[in-house]
Protein backbone atom coordinates (compact mmCIF):
# COMPACT_ATOMS: atom_id res chain seq x y z
CA ALA A 1 215.98 -79.28 -95.19
CA ALA A 2 217.48 -79.46 -91.71
CA LEU A 3 217.75 -75.67 -91.58
CA LEU A 4 214.10 -75.35 -92.66
CA ASN A 5 212.94 -77.79 -89.98
CA LYS A 6 214.88 -75.89 -87.36
CA HIS A 7 213.24 -72.66 -88.47
CA VAL A 8 209.80 -74.25 -88.32
CA GLU A 9 210.46 -75.46 -84.78
CA HIS A 10 211.36 -71.87 -83.75
CA ARG A 11 208.20 -70.59 -85.37
CA ASN A 12 205.98 -73.16 -83.70
CA LEU A 13 207.56 -72.54 -80.29
CA PHE A 14 206.92 -68.84 -80.60
CA ALA A 15 203.37 -69.32 -81.89
CA LEU A 16 202.77 -71.64 -78.94
CA ARG A 17 203.79 -69.11 -76.27
CA ALA A 18 203.40 -65.65 -77.83
CA CYS A 19 199.83 -64.89 -76.83
CA CYS A 20 199.54 -66.71 -73.50
CA LYS A 21 200.07 -63.87 -71.03
CA ARG A 22 198.73 -62.43 -67.81
CA GLN A 23 196.26 -59.58 -68.12
CA SER A 24 194.61 -57.39 -65.47
CA HIS A 25 191.48 -58.70 -63.79
CA PHE A 26 190.25 -56.46 -60.96
CA VAL A 27 187.95 -57.88 -58.27
CA TYR A 28 186.18 -55.85 -55.57
CA ILE A 29 186.76 -57.58 -52.23
CA GLY A 30 185.21 -55.15 -49.73
CA GLN A 31 186.21 -52.14 -47.60
CA ASP A 32 189.43 -51.58 -45.68
CA ILE A 33 189.54 -50.49 -42.05
CA SER A 34 189.21 -46.83 -43.12
CA GLY A 35 186.00 -47.61 -45.04
CA SER A 36 187.54 -47.19 -48.50
CA PRO A 37 186.62 -49.71 -51.21
CA VAL A 38 189.36 -52.23 -52.08
CA SER A 39 189.81 -53.78 -55.52
CA VAL A 40 192.65 -56.18 -56.28
CA ASP A 41 194.19 -57.07 -59.60
CA VAL A 42 194.06 -60.86 -59.22
CA GLY A 43 195.00 -61.31 -62.88
CA MET A 44 193.83 -63.77 -65.48
CA CYS A 45 195.46 -65.80 -68.24
CA ARG A 46 194.52 -64.53 -71.67
CA THR A 47 193.29 -67.35 -73.88
CA HIS A 48 193.37 -65.83 -77.40
CA CYS A 49 195.69 -63.81 -79.57
CA GLY A 50 194.65 -60.22 -80.20
CA GLY A 51 194.89 -60.14 -84.00
CA GLU A 52 192.06 -60.68 -86.50
CA GLN A 53 194.10 -62.68 -89.00
CA SER A 54 193.54 -66.33 -89.73
CA ARG A 55 195.98 -69.06 -88.57
CA THR A 56 197.78 -69.10 -91.92
CA SER A 57 198.43 -65.35 -92.11
CA TYR A 58 199.19 -65.19 -88.40
CA GLU A 59 201.88 -67.87 -88.55
CA ALA A 60 203.23 -66.36 -91.78
CA GLY A 61 203.60 -63.00 -90.02
CA LEU A 62 205.43 -64.64 -87.13
CA GLN A 63 207.76 -66.42 -89.53
CA GLN A 64 208.54 -63.25 -91.45
CA GLY A 65 209.09 -61.15 -88.28
CA PHE A 66 211.18 -63.76 -86.52
CA SER A 67 213.43 -64.43 -89.52
CA LYS A 68 214.76 -60.82 -89.36
CA HIS A 69 216.27 -61.40 -85.92
CA SER A 70 218.98 -63.71 -84.60
CA SER A 71 216.96 -64.95 -81.61
CA MET A 72 213.48 -64.93 -80.12
CA LEU A 73 214.70 -62.65 -77.30
CA GLU A 74 215.84 -60.06 -79.84
CA TYR A 75 212.51 -60.36 -81.65
CA LEU A 76 210.60 -59.83 -78.42
CA ARG A 77 212.67 -56.77 -77.59
CA SER A 78 211.99 -55.26 -81.00
CA LYS A 79 208.26 -55.91 -80.56
CA LYS A 80 208.37 -54.24 -77.17
CA VAL A 81 209.66 -50.94 -78.49
CA ARG A 82 207.62 -50.95 -81.71
CA VAL A 83 204.59 -48.66 -81.67
CA ARG A 84 201.44 -50.49 -82.67
CA LYS A 85 197.96 -49.24 -83.31
CA PRO A 86 195.37 -50.70 -80.94
CA ALA A 87 193.39 -53.47 -82.57
CA THR A 88 189.65 -53.19 -82.80
CA PRO A 89 188.12 -55.40 -80.10
CA ILE A 90 186.56 -58.49 -81.57
CA SER A 91 185.37 -61.71 -80.05
CA ALA A 92 187.40 -64.85 -80.54
CA GLU A 93 184.50 -66.87 -81.91
CA GLY A 94 183.82 -66.54 -85.55
CA SER A 95 186.67 -64.17 -86.16
CA GLY A 96 189.32 -66.71 -87.08
CA GLN A 97 191.49 -65.76 -84.10
CA VAL A 98 194.24 -68.17 -83.16
CA THR A 99 193.94 -69.74 -79.74
CA SER A 100 196.97 -68.74 -77.69
CA CYS A 101 198.35 -72.17 -76.98
CA GLY A 102 197.12 -74.30 -79.87
CA VAL A 103 194.59 -77.11 -79.92
CA ASN A 104 196.29 -79.40 -77.39
CA HIS A 105 197.26 -76.72 -74.83
CA ASN A 106 195.62 -74.36 -72.34
CA CYS A 107 196.83 -70.98 -71.15
CA GLU A 108 197.23 -71.58 -67.36
CA PRO A 109 198.93 -69.80 -64.41
CA THR A 110 202.50 -70.79 -63.74
CA GLY A 111 202.25 -69.64 -60.16
CA VAL A 112 199.89 -67.97 -57.72
CA ARG A 113 200.67 -65.93 -54.64
CA VAL A 114 198.33 -65.57 -51.64
CA ASP A 115 198.03 -61.96 -50.41
CA ARG A 116 196.58 -61.26 -46.97
CA ILE A 117 194.59 -58.03 -46.90
CA LEU A 118 193.15 -56.43 -43.76
CA LEU A 119 189.53 -55.47 -44.39
CA PHE A 120 186.88 -53.87 -42.17
CA LYS A 121 185.31 -57.30 -41.52
CA GLY A 122 188.65 -58.93 -40.82
CA PRO A 123 191.64 -60.31 -42.74
CA ARG A 124 191.03 -61.78 -46.18
CA GLU A 125 193.20 -64.04 -48.34
CA VAL A 126 193.27 -63.22 -52.07
CA GLU A 127 194.90 -65.40 -54.71
CA VAL A 128 196.84 -63.43 -57.32
CA ILE A 129 198.02 -64.91 -60.61
CA GLU A 130 201.66 -63.93 -61.24
CA GLU A 131 202.41 -65.37 -64.70
CA CYS A 132 200.90 -67.64 -67.33
CA HIS A 133 202.18 -70.33 -69.67
CA CYS A 134 200.92 -72.92 -72.18
CA GLU A 135 200.13 -76.24 -70.54
CA ASN A 136 199.26 -79.58 -72.09
CA LYS A 137 195.51 -80.18 -72.25
CA LEU A 138 194.86 -83.42 -70.30
CA THR A 139 191.97 -85.72 -71.26
CA GLN A 140 192.13 -87.75 -68.04
CA CYS A 141 191.10 -86.63 -64.57
CA VAL A 142 194.37 -86.45 -62.62
CA ARG A 143 196.01 -84.37 -59.91
CA VAL A 144 198.50 -81.83 -61.28
CA PRO A 145 200.98 -79.59 -59.48
CA ALA A 146 199.85 -76.08 -58.49
CA LEU A 147 202.34 -73.83 -56.72
CA LYS A 148 201.19 -71.17 -54.28
CA THR A 149 203.41 -68.61 -52.55
CA TYR A 150 202.47 -67.60 -49.00
CA PHE A 151 203.78 -64.51 -47.17
CA PHE A 152 205.30 -63.12 -50.36
CA GLU A 153 208.42 -60.92 -49.93
CA THR A 154 208.61 -61.57 -46.16
CA PRO A 155 211.01 -63.68 -44.07
CA TYR A 156 208.24 -66.30 -43.93
CA GLU A 157 207.85 -66.68 -47.71
CA THR A 158 206.93 -70.30 -48.49
CA VAL A 159 206.01 -72.05 -51.74
CA ILE A 160 203.69 -75.07 -51.45
CA ASP A 161 202.37 -77.44 -54.11
CA VAL A 162 198.68 -77.32 -53.14
CA GLY A 163 197.71 -79.34 -56.23
CA SER A 164 194.71 -79.06 -58.51
CA CYS A 165 192.59 -81.24 -60.76
CA SER A 166 192.92 -81.18 -64.52
CA GLY A 167 191.17 -82.78 -67.47
CA SER A 168 187.51 -83.41 -68.28
CA LYS A 169 186.41 -80.06 -66.92
CA GLY A 170 182.91 -78.98 -67.86
CA SER A 171 182.16 -82.07 -69.90
CA PRO A 172 178.79 -82.23 -71.75
CA ASP A 173 177.46 -84.86 -69.33
CA GLY A 174 177.76 -82.39 -66.44
CA PHE A 175 180.74 -84.06 -64.77
CA SER A 176 184.03 -82.31 -63.88
CA CYS A 177 187.39 -83.31 -62.51
CA VAL A 178 187.25 -82.29 -58.82
CA PRO A 179 189.33 -82.88 -55.67
CA THR A 180 188.08 -85.73 -53.47
CA LYS A 181 190.98 -86.28 -51.04
CA PHE A 182 192.97 -83.70 -49.15
CA VAL A 183 196.02 -83.49 -46.89
CA SER A 184 197.25 -80.59 -44.73
CA ALA A 185 200.60 -78.79 -44.92
CA LEU A 186 202.14 -76.58 -42.24
CA VAL A 187 203.13 -72.98 -43.07
CA GLU A 188 205.27 -71.07 -40.58
CA THR A 189 203.87 -67.59 -39.89
CA PRO A 190 204.66 -64.66 -37.55
CA ASN A 191 201.84 -66.08 -35.39
CA LYS A 192 203.18 -69.65 -35.06
CA VAL A 193 201.82 -71.88 -37.86
CA ASP A 194 198.89 -72.16 -40.31
CA LEU A 195 197.38 -75.23 -41.87
CA VAL A 196 197.02 -75.20 -45.69
CA GLN A 197 194.76 -77.69 -47.37
CA THR A 198 196.29 -79.42 -50.40
CA VAL A 199 194.73 -81.71 -53.02
CA GLU A 200 195.88 -85.33 -52.90
CA ALA A 201 193.46 -87.05 -55.32
CA CYS A 202 190.88 -86.15 -58.00
CA GLU A 203 187.84 -87.87 -59.50
CA LEU A 204 185.10 -87.17 -62.05
CA SER A 205 182.05 -85.83 -60.27
CA GLU A 206 179.22 -83.31 -60.55
CA SER A 207 179.93 -79.63 -59.75
CA CYS A 208 178.23 -80.00 -56.33
CA TYR A 209 179.46 -83.22 -54.74
CA ARG A 210 180.08 -85.14 -51.51
CA VAL A 211 183.58 -85.95 -50.23
CA PRO A 212 184.58 -88.23 -47.36
CA TYR A 213 185.26 -86.64 -43.98
CA MET A 214 186.17 -89.02 -41.18
CA GLU A 215 185.34 -88.59 -37.47
CA TYR A 216 186.25 -90.94 -34.63
CA TYR A 217 184.35 -91.82 -31.44
CA TYR A 218 184.74 -94.20 -28.53
CA GLU A 219 182.09 -96.93 -28.61
CA ILE A 220 181.11 -99.45 -25.91
CA VAL A 221 180.29 -102.95 -27.21
CA TYR A 222 179.50 -106.28 -25.55
CA ASP A 223 180.65 -109.64 -26.90
CA ALA A 224 178.65 -112.92 -26.85
CA ASP A 225 179.73 -113.57 -23.25
CA GLY A 226 178.59 -110.14 -22.10
CA VAL A 227 182.09 -108.81 -21.66
CA LYS A 228 182.28 -105.05 -22.04
CA GLU A 229 184.80 -103.68 -24.51
CA GLU A 230 185.73 -100.16 -25.62
CA LYS A 231 186.40 -99.71 -29.34
CA LEU A 232 187.17 -96.87 -31.70
CA LYS A 233 184.29 -96.17 -34.06
CA GLU A 234 185.00 -94.54 -37.44
CA ILE A 235 182.21 -92.59 -39.16
CA ASP A 236 182.40 -90.96 -42.56
CA VAL A 237 180.20 -87.90 -41.89
CA GLY A 238 180.98 -86.37 -45.32
CA ARG A 239 181.22 -82.84 -46.54
CA CYS A 240 179.61 -80.98 -49.48
CA LEU A 241 182.07 -79.31 -51.85
CA GLY A 242 181.83 -77.44 -55.14
CA GLY A 243 179.55 -74.62 -56.16
CA CYS A 244 176.56 -73.67 -58.20
CA THR A 245 176.65 -71.09 -60.99
CA THR A 246 174.40 -68.10 -60.20
CA GLY A 247 174.15 -65.15 -62.54
CA ASN A 248 176.88 -62.91 -63.98
CA ARG A 249 179.56 -61.38 -61.75
CA CYS A 250 180.70 -58.61 -64.10
CA LEU A 251 180.17 -55.13 -62.59
CA LEU A 252 181.79 -52.97 -65.29
CA ARG A 253 182.00 -53.80 -69.01
CA SER A 254 183.76 -52.10 -71.91
CA HIS A 255 181.53 -49.80 -73.99
CA SER A 256 183.25 -50.87 -77.22
CA ASP A 257 183.33 -54.62 -76.50
CA SER A 258 180.73 -56.26 -74.26
CA GLU A 259 182.96 -59.35 -73.95
CA VAL A 260 185.55 -57.33 -71.97
CA CYS A 261 184.89 -56.99 -68.23
CA TYR A 262 186.94 -54.47 -66.21
CA LEU A 263 185.60 -55.18 -62.72
CA TRP A 264 184.25 -58.42 -61.26
CA ALA A 265 182.23 -58.99 -58.10
CA GLU A 266 183.13 -61.65 -55.57
CA ARG A 267 182.20 -65.23 -56.29
CA PRO A 268 178.79 -66.15 -54.91
CA THR A 269 178.66 -67.93 -51.56
CA ASN A 270 178.89 -71.69 -51.88
CA SER A 271 175.30 -73.03 -52.10
CA CYS A 272 176.21 -76.72 -52.33
CA VAL A 273 174.39 -78.17 -49.30
CA PRO A 274 173.45 -81.61 -47.87
CA ARG A 275 170.35 -83.26 -49.39
CA GLY A 276 170.28 -86.69 -47.70
CA TYR A 277 171.66 -88.04 -44.47
CA ASP A 278 172.17 -91.28 -42.49
CA SER A 279 172.00 -91.88 -38.74
CA HIS A 280 174.66 -93.73 -36.76
CA MET A 281 173.72 -94.84 -33.22
CA PHE A 282 176.14 -96.28 -30.64
CA LEU A 283 176.85 -96.45 -26.91
CA ASN A 284 179.36 -93.87 -25.71
CA GLN A 285 181.84 -94.26 -22.81
CA HIS A 286 179.13 -93.29 -20.31
CA GLY A 287 176.75 -95.98 -21.54
CA GLN A 288 174.46 -93.44 -23.19
CA ILE A 289 173.11 -93.80 -26.72
CA ARG A 290 174.67 -91.26 -29.04
CA THR A 291 173.46 -90.37 -32.55
CA VAL A 292 175.76 -88.95 -35.25
CA LEU A 293 174.38 -87.79 -38.61
CA SER A 294 176.37 -88.19 -41.81
CA ILE A 295 175.81 -86.61 -45.21
CA SER A 296 174.77 -89.10 -47.91
CA SER A 297 174.29 -86.69 -50.87
CA CYS A 298 174.56 -83.02 -51.82
CA PHE A 299 172.68 -80.62 -54.12
CA CYS A 300 172.57 -76.99 -55.31
CA GLN A 301 170.20 -74.98 -53.12
CA SER A 302 168.24 -72.32 -55.04
């Protein structure tokens, strides 16, 4: 019985990780300084296994194949050299395909590198997925680690945990787990230093939402006796974050399978803009009345 349980554990571990892998995902980002078009393979994490079989037959096949080899590494090597016929493309829904990481896991990037590419309109940062793995599916809105590598394969290579928000994404009520508090990290570069924004806290909110953004001013006030005093005034002017879904970004699809996209356009420009505002009036250091506007709410501009 113990031997059987050990074998089942091996099988489940392999079934959990076998299909979660990085696949090519090309995005057109513009023209280089010579005028030539530039497309970058930013990668994506594949979310389904490629076979058509049901969960039962799929796991049975894994068990049978794995049992012939002394270790998972040996099994993977044998699969690598084995010639397989390409499977007929078929959508994951309604085909009985097995999700790559099981019910309680998602196929997510293990790490991302930030490539800097010189384009005709100036330098551009592009995030490239390096590898993928199965990650626990969280039901709560929390901050989770997210590693990014800057200045890859240079003397200035740096890995920073920029953080991300996980859980409750795309819920039916229209709320998502989004970043609401940020901190900055310093990255040493050939041109002194850069500031990188990292996520510190997350909350459930709509896709287009307001976040705090503090500004400070000197304010002149008078007490009950008419004594003049200079104070520091803090105003939360706010910022609008998030985005609004607009159309389909696929530029080139597969002729045999419309679900497969070979080339994607850039993401649309953020159209989450201020909707309401408040006015803050105070006396500045010169005794003049100053007005500062702050964002009270945000919305998706059509």
